[in-house]
N, C-alpha and C. Protein backbone atom coordinates (compact mmCIF):
# COMPACT_ATOMS: atom_id res chain seq x y z
N MET A 1 -21.99 19.55 7.10
CA MET A 1 -21.87 18.13 7.31
C MET A 1 -20.40 17.79 7.56
N SER A 2 -20.14 17.05 8.58
CA SER A 2 -18.76 16.69 8.91
C SER A 2 -18.39 15.35 8.27
N VAL A 3 -17.13 15.21 7.99
CA VAL A 3 -16.62 13.97 7.38
C VAL A 3 -15.70 13.31 8.39
N LYS A 4 -15.96 12.04 8.66
CA LYS A 4 -15.11 11.29 9.59
C LYS A 4 -13.80 10.94 8.91
N LYS A 5 -12.76 10.80 9.72
CA LYS A 5 -11.45 10.43 9.21
C LYS A 5 -11.49 9.04 8.58
N ASN A 6 -12.35 8.16 9.05
CA ASN A 6 -12.44 6.80 8.55
C ASN A 6 -13.17 6.71 7.22
N ASP A 7 -13.74 7.81 6.72
CA ASP A 7 -14.49 7.79 5.47
C ASP A 7 -13.60 7.89 4.23
N VAL A 8 -12.27 7.81 4.41
CA VAL A 8 -11.36 7.86 3.28
C VAL A 8 -11.56 6.59 2.45
N ALA A 9 -11.71 6.75 1.15
CA ALA A 9 -11.94 5.60 0.28
C ALA A 9 -10.64 4.81 0.14
N ILE A 10 -10.67 3.57 0.57
CA ILE A 10 -9.51 2.70 0.47
C ILE A 10 -9.57 2.02 -0.89
N LYS A 11 -8.60 2.30 -1.72
CA LYS A 11 -8.62 1.77 -3.07
C LYS A 11 -7.79 0.51 -3.24
N SER A 12 -6.70 0.38 -2.51
CA SER A 12 -5.86 -0.79 -2.69
C SER A 12 -5.11 -1.15 -1.43
N GLU A 13 -4.77 -2.42 -1.34
CA GLU A 13 -3.97 -2.93 -0.24
C GLU A 13 -2.59 -3.26 -0.83
N VAL A 14 -1.55 -2.80 -0.15
CA VAL A 14 -0.19 -2.94 -0.66
C VAL A 14 0.64 -3.78 0.32
N ARG A 15 1.40 -4.71 -0.24
CA ARG A 15 2.32 -5.53 0.57
C ARG A 15 3.69 -5.45 -0.09
N ILE A 16 4.69 -5.01 0.68
CA ILE A 16 6.04 -4.86 0.16
C ILE A 16 6.98 -5.74 0.96
N ALA A 17 7.73 -6.59 0.25
CA ALA A 17 8.77 -7.39 0.90
C ALA A 17 10.09 -6.66 0.73
N VAL A 18 10.79 -6.47 1.83
CA VAL A 18 12.07 -5.80 1.83
C VAL A 18 13.15 -6.86 2.04
N THR A 19 14.19 -6.83 1.21
CA THR A 19 15.25 -7.83 1.32
C THR A 19 15.95 -7.73 2.67
N ARG A 20 16.28 -8.88 3.21
CA ARG A 20 16.96 -9.02 4.50
C ARG A 20 16.16 -8.52 5.70
N VAL A 21 14.84 -8.44 5.52
CA VAL A 21 13.93 -8.08 6.62
C VAL A 21 12.90 -9.21 6.70
N ALA A 22 12.67 -9.73 7.91
CA ALA A 22 11.81 -10.90 8.09
C ALA A 22 10.34 -10.64 7.79
N SER A 23 9.83 -9.48 8.13
CA SER A 23 8.40 -9.23 7.93
C SER A 23 8.17 -8.28 6.76
N ASP A 24 6.98 -8.39 6.17
CA ASP A 24 6.59 -7.54 5.06
C ASP A 24 5.94 -6.27 5.58
N ILE A 25 5.89 -5.25 4.74
CA ILE A 25 5.17 -4.01 5.05
C ILE A 25 3.80 -4.14 4.40
N VAL A 26 2.75 -4.08 5.19
CA VAL A 26 1.39 -4.19 4.67
C VAL A 26 0.60 -2.98 5.12
N PHE A 27 -0.05 -2.31 4.17
CA PHE A 27 -0.86 -1.14 4.50
C PHE A 27 -1.92 -0.92 3.43
N GLU A 28 -2.90 -0.10 3.78
CA GLU A 28 -3.96 0.25 2.85
C GLU A 28 -3.67 1.64 2.32
N SER A 29 -3.85 1.80 1.03
CA SER A 29 -3.54 3.06 0.37
C SER A 29 -4.76 3.61 -0.34
N ALA A 30 -4.87 4.92 -0.37
CA ALA A 30 -5.95 5.57 -1.12
C ALA A 30 -5.60 5.65 -2.60
N MET A 31 -4.37 5.26 -2.97
CA MET A 31 -3.96 5.25 -4.37
C MET A 31 -4.60 4.05 -5.07
N SER A 32 -4.87 4.21 -6.35
CA SER A 32 -5.42 3.09 -7.11
C SER A 32 -4.29 2.11 -7.45
N THR A 33 -4.66 0.91 -7.86
CA THR A 33 -3.67 -0.10 -8.21
C THR A 33 -2.74 0.37 -9.34
N PRO A 34 -3.26 0.97 -10.42
CA PRO A 34 -2.35 1.46 -11.46
C PRO A 34 -1.39 2.55 -10.97
N GLU A 35 -1.83 3.40 -10.05
CA GLU A 35 -0.96 4.43 -9.50
C GLU A 35 0.19 3.83 -8.71
N VAL A 36 -0.11 2.80 -7.92
CA VAL A 36 0.93 2.12 -7.14
C VAL A 36 1.91 1.42 -8.09
N LYS A 37 1.39 0.75 -9.10
CA LYS A 37 2.25 0.06 -10.06
C LYS A 37 3.17 1.04 -10.78
N THR A 38 2.66 2.20 -11.13
CA THR A 38 3.47 3.22 -11.79
C THR A 38 4.58 3.70 -10.87
N ALA A 39 4.26 3.94 -9.60
CA ALA A 39 5.27 4.40 -8.64
C ALA A 39 6.36 3.35 -8.43
N VAL A 40 5.98 2.08 -8.36
CA VAL A 40 6.95 1.01 -8.17
C VAL A 40 7.84 0.88 -9.40
N THR A 41 7.24 0.90 -10.58
CA THR A 41 8.00 0.79 -11.82
C THR A 41 9.00 1.93 -11.97
N GLU A 42 8.56 3.14 -11.64
CA GLU A 42 9.43 4.30 -11.73
C GLU A 42 10.60 4.20 -10.74
N ALA A 43 10.30 3.76 -9.52
CA ALA A 43 11.36 3.62 -8.51
C ALA A 43 12.39 2.58 -8.94
N LEU A 44 11.93 1.47 -9.48
CA LEU A 44 12.86 0.42 -9.91
C LEU A 44 13.68 0.87 -11.13
N ALA A 45 13.07 1.62 -12.03
CA ALA A 45 13.77 2.06 -13.24
C ALA A 45 14.82 3.13 -12.94
N THR A 46 14.50 4.04 -12.03
CA THR A 46 15.41 5.16 -11.75
C THR A 46 16.36 4.89 -10.59
N GLY A 47 16.00 3.94 -9.72
CA GLY A 47 16.82 3.67 -8.55
C GLY A 47 16.49 4.58 -7.38
N ASN A 48 15.51 5.47 -7.56
CA ASN A 48 15.08 6.35 -6.46
C ASN A 48 14.22 5.55 -5.48
N PRO A 49 14.14 5.98 -4.21
CA PRO A 49 13.31 5.28 -3.23
C PRO A 49 11.84 5.26 -3.64
N LEU A 50 11.16 4.18 -3.28
CA LEU A 50 9.72 4.07 -3.48
C LEU A 50 9.04 4.81 -2.34
N VAL A 51 8.21 5.78 -2.66
CA VAL A 51 7.51 6.56 -1.65
C VAL A 51 6.03 6.42 -1.89
N LEU A 52 5.32 5.80 -0.92
CA LEU A 52 3.87 5.63 -0.99
C LEU A 52 3.25 6.19 0.29
N THR A 53 1.97 6.54 0.23
CA THR A 53 1.27 7.10 1.38
C THR A 53 0.11 6.19 1.75
N ASP A 54 -0.05 5.91 3.06
CA ASP A 54 -1.17 5.09 3.49
C ASP A 54 -2.40 5.96 3.71
N VAL A 55 -3.52 5.33 4.09
CA VAL A 55 -4.78 6.05 4.24
C VAL A 55 -4.76 7.05 5.40
N ARG A 56 -3.84 6.90 6.33
CA ARG A 56 -3.75 7.83 7.46
C ARG A 56 -2.80 8.99 7.17
N GLY A 57 -2.20 9.00 5.99
CA GLY A 57 -1.30 10.08 5.63
C GLY A 57 0.15 9.83 5.94
N HIS A 58 0.50 8.65 6.42
CA HIS A 58 1.90 8.31 6.71
C HIS A 58 2.60 7.91 5.43
N GLU A 59 3.85 8.34 5.30
CA GLU A 59 4.64 7.98 4.13
C GLU A 59 5.46 6.73 4.41
N ILE A 60 5.47 5.82 3.45
CA ILE A 60 6.28 4.62 3.52
C ILE A 60 7.37 4.79 2.46
N ILE A 61 8.63 4.75 2.89
CA ILE A 61 9.75 4.97 1.99
C ILE A 61 10.64 3.73 2.02
N VAL A 62 10.85 3.12 0.85
CA VAL A 62 11.67 1.92 0.75
C VAL A 62 12.72 2.15 -0.34
N PRO A 63 14.00 1.92 -0.03
CA PRO A 63 15.02 2.04 -1.07
C PRO A 63 14.74 1.07 -2.22
N ALA A 64 14.87 1.53 -3.45
CA ALA A 64 14.53 0.72 -4.62
C ALA A 64 15.34 -0.58 -4.67
N ASP A 65 16.60 -0.54 -4.26
CA ASP A 65 17.44 -1.74 -4.34
C ASP A 65 17.13 -2.75 -3.24
N LYS A 66 16.26 -2.41 -2.30
CA LYS A 66 15.89 -3.33 -1.22
C LYS A 66 14.51 -3.94 -1.41
N ILE A 67 13.82 -3.61 -2.51
CA ILE A 67 12.49 -4.14 -2.76
C ILE A 67 12.61 -5.58 -3.23
N GLY A 68 11.99 -6.50 -2.49
CA GLY A 68 11.95 -7.90 -2.89
C GLY A 68 10.82 -8.13 -3.87
N PHE A 69 9.61 -7.76 -3.47
CA PHE A 69 8.46 -7.79 -4.35
C PHE A 69 7.40 -6.85 -3.80
N VAL A 70 6.47 -6.46 -4.65
CA VAL A 70 5.35 -5.62 -4.26
C VAL A 70 4.08 -6.29 -4.74
N GLU A 71 3.15 -6.51 -3.82
CA GLU A 71 1.86 -7.10 -4.15
C GLU A 71 0.80 -6.03 -3.96
N VAL A 72 0.01 -5.80 -4.99
CA VAL A 72 -1.03 -4.77 -4.93
C VAL A 72 -2.35 -5.40 -5.33
N GLY A 73 -3.38 -5.12 -4.57
CA GLY A 73 -4.70 -5.63 -4.90
C GLY A 73 -5.78 -4.74 -4.33
N GLU A 74 -6.96 -4.94 -4.83
CA GLU A 74 -8.10 -4.18 -4.33
C GLU A 74 -8.36 -4.60 -2.89
N SER A 75 -8.64 -3.63 -2.06
CA SER A 75 -8.91 -3.90 -0.66
C SER A 75 -10.27 -4.56 -0.52
N ALA A 76 -10.31 -5.69 0.19
CA ALA A 76 -11.57 -6.41 0.40
C ALA A 76 -12.39 -5.71 1.47
N SER A 77 -13.71 -5.73 1.29
CA SER A 77 -14.56 -5.13 2.31
C SER A 77 -14.51 -6.01 3.55
N ARG A 78 -14.50 -5.37 4.68
CA ARG A 78 -14.38 -6.11 5.94
C ARG A 78 -15.75 -6.41 6.51
N ARG A 79 -15.96 -7.65 6.82
CA ARG A 79 -17.24 -8.08 7.37
C ARG A 79 -17.06 -8.36 8.85
N VAL A 80 -18.09 -8.07 9.60
CA VAL A 80 -18.05 -8.28 11.03
C VAL A 80 -19.22 -9.16 11.44
N GLY A 81 -18.95 -10.09 12.35
CA GLY A 81 -20.04 -10.93 12.87
C GLY A 81 -19.86 -12.38 12.51
N PHE A 82 -20.76 -13.21 13.04
CA PHE A 82 -20.66 -14.65 12.84
C PHE A 82 -21.08 -15.08 11.44
N GLY A 83 -21.98 -14.36 10.81
CA GLY A 83 -22.45 -14.73 9.49
C GLY A 83 -21.65 -14.11 8.37
N ALA A 84 -20.45 -13.65 8.65
CA ALA A 84 -19.65 -12.91 7.67
C ALA A 84 -18.93 -13.79 6.67
N ALA A 85 -18.85 -15.09 6.90
CA ALA A 85 -18.08 -15.96 6.01
C ALA A 85 -18.70 -16.09 4.71
């Protein structure tokens, strides 16, 4: 049985504001919300860069001193069609 690349379980949606940058970084991560919170807390405490991975395997690296805020939440299921509201 083959597994599609899109079958990766999306556990959380992450939004990172970077200081002095107009737009936020928004991506979906396979990490759980507590895992993301732990990584952010560790980066802020040690001063090391925040390194997170999105669902496609890309790494997002943000210097700890440039983090404005991090918003983490469960990813909402996406509905398609006119009756999706």
